[in-house]
Amino acid sequence: MTFQKGTNNKTADVRIRFTPDEKEQAKAIAKEAGLTLSEYIRRRALGLPVRSKADAQMINELRRLGGLVKHIHNESSGVNSKETAGVLVEIIDAIKRIGA
């Protein structure tokens, strides 16, 4: 079966049952990640990453800060290279812990 790019190829239907509380909990988690309930369940079932919007924003901010530290390093001609290198290592470690 072939599909055209840009079309909604999701035509197979899977039904699962939740208790009302489970459904509300799953919907809340999906909303936190900025996903529909279907997309959240699909990603979890397929082992794809699910990241909250807050995590994604934090990663973007850490990357921005890393760019600023690099800029400071370049502008100072590496005067504080030991310190800036340490900061960049910490930023990279933080991004990895969040799950980029």
C-alpha atoms as a PDB file:
ATOM      1  CA  MET A   1       0.000   0.000   0.000  1.00  0.00           C
ATOM      2  CA  THR A   2       1.434   3.415  -0.943  1.00  0.00           C
ATOM      3  CA  PHE A   3       0.568   6.788   0.460  1.00  0.00           C
ATOM      4  CA  GLN A   4       1.089  10.304  -0.746  1.00  0.00           C
ATOM      5  CA  LYS A   5       3.261  12.588   1.319  1.00  0.00           C
ATOM      6  CA  GLY A   6       1.331  15.222   3.225  1.00  0.00           C
ATOM      7  CA  THR A   7      -1.872  13.230   3.527  1.00  0.00           C
ATOM      8  CA  ASN A   8      -3.319  11.709   6.657  1.00  0.00           C
ATOM      9  CA  ASN A   9      -2.401   8.046   6.209  1.00  0.00           C
ATOM     10  CA  LYS A  10      -3.694   7.004   9.615  1.00  0.00           C
ATOM     11  CA  THR A  11      -6.672   4.909   8.623  1.00  0.00           C
ATOM     12  CA  ALA A  12      -6.353   1.844  10.883  1.00  0.00           C
ATOM     13  CA  ASP A  13      -8.474   1.956  14.016  1.00  0.00           C
ATOM     14  CA  VAL A  14      -7.434   0.556  17.411  1.00  0.00           C
ATOM     15  CA  ARG A  15      -9.782   0.575  20.355  1.00  0.00           C
ATOM     16  CA  ILE A  16      -8.652   0.515  23.957  1.00  0.00           C
ATOM     17  CA  ARG A  17     -10.565   0.890  27.165  1.00  0.00           C
ATOM     18  CA  PHE A  18      -9.737   3.197  30.045  1.00  0.00           C
ATOM     19  CA  THR A  19     -11.418   3.851  33.320  1.00  0.00           C
ATOM     20  CA  PRO A  20     -12.725   7.428  33.373  1.00  0.00           C
ATOM     21  CA  ASP A  21      -9.881   8.401  35.715  1.00  0.00           C
ATOM     22  CA  GLU A  22      -7.244   6.788  33.483  1.00  0.00           C
ATOM     23  CA  LYS A  23      -8.628   8.586  30.443  1.00  0.00           C
ATOM     24  CA  GLU A  24      -8.511  11.954  32.194  1.00  0.00           C
ATOM     25  CA  GLN A  25      -4.962  11.287  33.386  1.00  0.00           C
ATOM     26  CA  ALA A  26      -3.825  10.327  29.869  1.00  0.00           C
ATOM     27  CA  LYS A  27      -5.545  13.398  28.396  1.00  0.00           C
ATOM     28  CA  ALA A  28      -3.794  15.637  30.933  1.00  0.00           C
ATOM     29  CA  ILE A  29      -0.390  14.152  30.111  1.00  0.00           C
ATOM     30  CA  ALA A  30      -1.065  14.489  26.381  1.00  0.00           C
ATOM     31  CA  LYS A  31      -2.105  18.116  26.842  1.00  0.00           C
ATOM     32  CA  GLU A  32       1.062  18.830  28.843  1.00  0.00           C
ATOM     33  CA  ALA A  33       3.077  17.492  25.912  1.00  0.00           C
ATOM     34  CA  GLY A  34       1.038  19.504  23.415  1.00  0.00           C
ATOM     35  CA  LEU A  35      -0.354  16.361  21.791  1.00  0.00           C
ATOM     36  CA  THR A  36      -3.758  14.921  21.125  1.00  0.00           C
ATOM     37  CA  LEU A  37      -4.663  11.854  23.147  1.00  0.00           C
ATOM     38  CA  SER A  38      -4.347   9.715  19.991  1.00  0.00           C
ATOM     39  CA  GLU A  39      -0.898  11.066  19.154  1.00  0.00           C
ATOM     40  CA  TYR A  40       0.265  10.629  22.749  1.00  0.00           C
ATOM     41  CA  ILE A  41      -0.897   6.991  22.868  1.00  0.00           C
ATOM     42  CA  ARG A  42       0.573   6.308  19.397  1.00  0.00           C
ATOM     43  CA  ARG A  43       3.986   7.658  20.425  1.00  0.00           C
ATOM     44  CA  ARG A  44       4.015   5.728  23.686  1.00  0.00           C
ATOM     45  CA  ALA A  45       2.988   2.496  21.951  1.00  0.00           C
ATOM     46  CA  LEU A  46       5.655   2.893  19.267  1.00  0.00           C
ATOM     47  CA  GLY A  47       8.405   3.874  21.708  1.00  0.00           C
ATOM     48  CA  LEU A  48       8.702   7.376  20.253  1.00  0.00           C
ATOM     49  CA  PRO A  49       9.701  10.284  22.477  1.00  0.00           C
ATOM     50  CA  VAL A  50       7.064  12.229  24.367  1.00  0.00           C
ATOM     51  CA  ARG A  51       8.396  15.475  25.773  1.00  0.00           C
ATOM     52  CA  SER A  52       6.398  18.047  27.680  1.00  0.00           C
ATOM     53  CA  LYS A  53       6.191  21.567  26.302  1.00  0.00           C
ATOM     54  CA  ALA A  54       8.041  22.761  29.393  1.00  0.00           C
ATOM     55  CA  ASP A  55      10.932  20.368  28.670  1.00  0.00           C
ATOM     56  CA  ALA A  56      11.093  21.510  25.040  1.00  0.00           C
ATOM     57  CA  GLN A  57      11.123  25.154  26.137  1.00  0.00           C
ATOM     58  CA  MET A  58      13.845  24.442  28.689  1.00  0.00           C
ATOM     59  CA  ILE A  59      16.004  22.728  26.076  1.00  0.00           C
ATOM     60  CA  ASN A  60      15.588  25.691  23.724  1.00  0.00           C
ATOM     61  CA  GLU A  61      16.553  28.097  26.506  1.00  0.00           C
ATOM     62  CA  LEU A  62      19.618  26.038  27.419  1.00  0.00           C
ATOM     63  CA  ARG A  63      20.689  26.006  23.770  1.00  0.00           C
ATOM     64  CA  ARG A  64      20.226  29.782  23.625  1.00  0.00           C
ATOM     65  CA  LEU A  65      22.342  30.219  26.756  1.00  0.00           C
ATOM     66  CA  GLY A  66      25.013  27.953  25.283  1.00  0.00           C
ATOM     67  CA  GLY A  67      25.144  30.194  22.223  1.00  0.00           C
ATOM     68  CA  LEU A  68      25.560  33.250  24.427  1.00  0.00           C
ATOM     69  CA  VAL A  69      28.387  31.606  26.375  1.00  0.00           C
ATOM     70  CA  LYS A  70      30.086  30.707  23.092  1.00  0.00           C
ATOM     71  CA  HIS A  71      29.681  34.307  21.928  1.00  0.00           C
ATOM     72  CA  ILE A  72      31.266  35.588  25.174  1.00  0.00           C
ATOM     73  CA  HIS A  73      34.127  33.131  24.699  1.00  0.00           C
ATOM     74  CA  ASN A  74      34.738  34.322  21.137  1.00  0.00           C
ATOM     75  CA  GLU A  75      34.435  38.013  21.983  1.00  0.00           C
ATOM     76  CA  SER A  76      36.898  37.721  24.880  1.00  0.00           C
ATOM     77  CA  SER A  77      39.393  35.846  22.699  1.00  0.00           C
ATOM     78  CA  GLY A  78      39.199  32.909  25.090  1.00  0.00           C
ATOM     79  CA  VAL A  79      40.356  34.836  28.159  1.00  0.00           C
ATOM     80  CA  ASN A  80      38.068  32.750  30.383  1.00  0.00           C
ATOM     81  CA  SER A  81      38.167  29.602  28.272  1.00  0.00           C
ATOM     82  CA  LYS A  82      38.379  27.257  31.253  1.00  0.00           C
ATOM     83  CA  GLU A  83      35.250  28.765  32.798  1.00  0.00           C
ATOM     84  CA  THR A  84      33.272  28.988  29.552  1.00  0.00           C
ATOM     85  CA  ALA A  85      34.187  25.387  28.681  1.00  0.00           C
ATOM     86  CA  GLY A  86      32.921  24.280  32.097  1.00  0.00           C
ATOM     87  CA  VAL A  87      29.650  26.156  31.622  1.00  0.00           C
ATOM     88  CA  LEU A  88      29.144  24.623  28.181  1.00  0.00           C
ATOM     89  CA  VAL A  89      29.744  21.118  29.568  1.00  0.00           C
ATOM     90  CA  GLU A  90      27.127  21.765  32.265  1.00  0.00           C
ATOM     91  CA  ILE A  91      24.629  23.039  29.678  1.00  0.00           C
ATOM     92  CA  ILE A  92      25.176  19.972  27.499  1.00  0.00           C
ATOM     93  CA  ASP A  93      24.740  17.674  30.497  1.00  0.00           C
ATOM     94  CA  ALA A  94      21.507  19.438  31.458  1.00  0.00           C
ATOM     95  CA  ILE A  95      20.124  19.027  27.942  1.00  0.00           C
ATOM     96  CA  LYS A  96      20.985  15.312  28.012  1.00  0.00           C
ATOM     97  CA  ARG A  97      19.293  14.877  31.399  1.00  0.00           C
ATOM     98  CA  ILE A  98      16.102  16.492  30.108  1.00  0.00           C
ATOM     99  CA  GLY A  99      16.157  14.148  27.155  1.00  0.00           C
ATOM    100  CA  ALA A 100      17.082  15.886  23.943  1.00  0.00           C
END
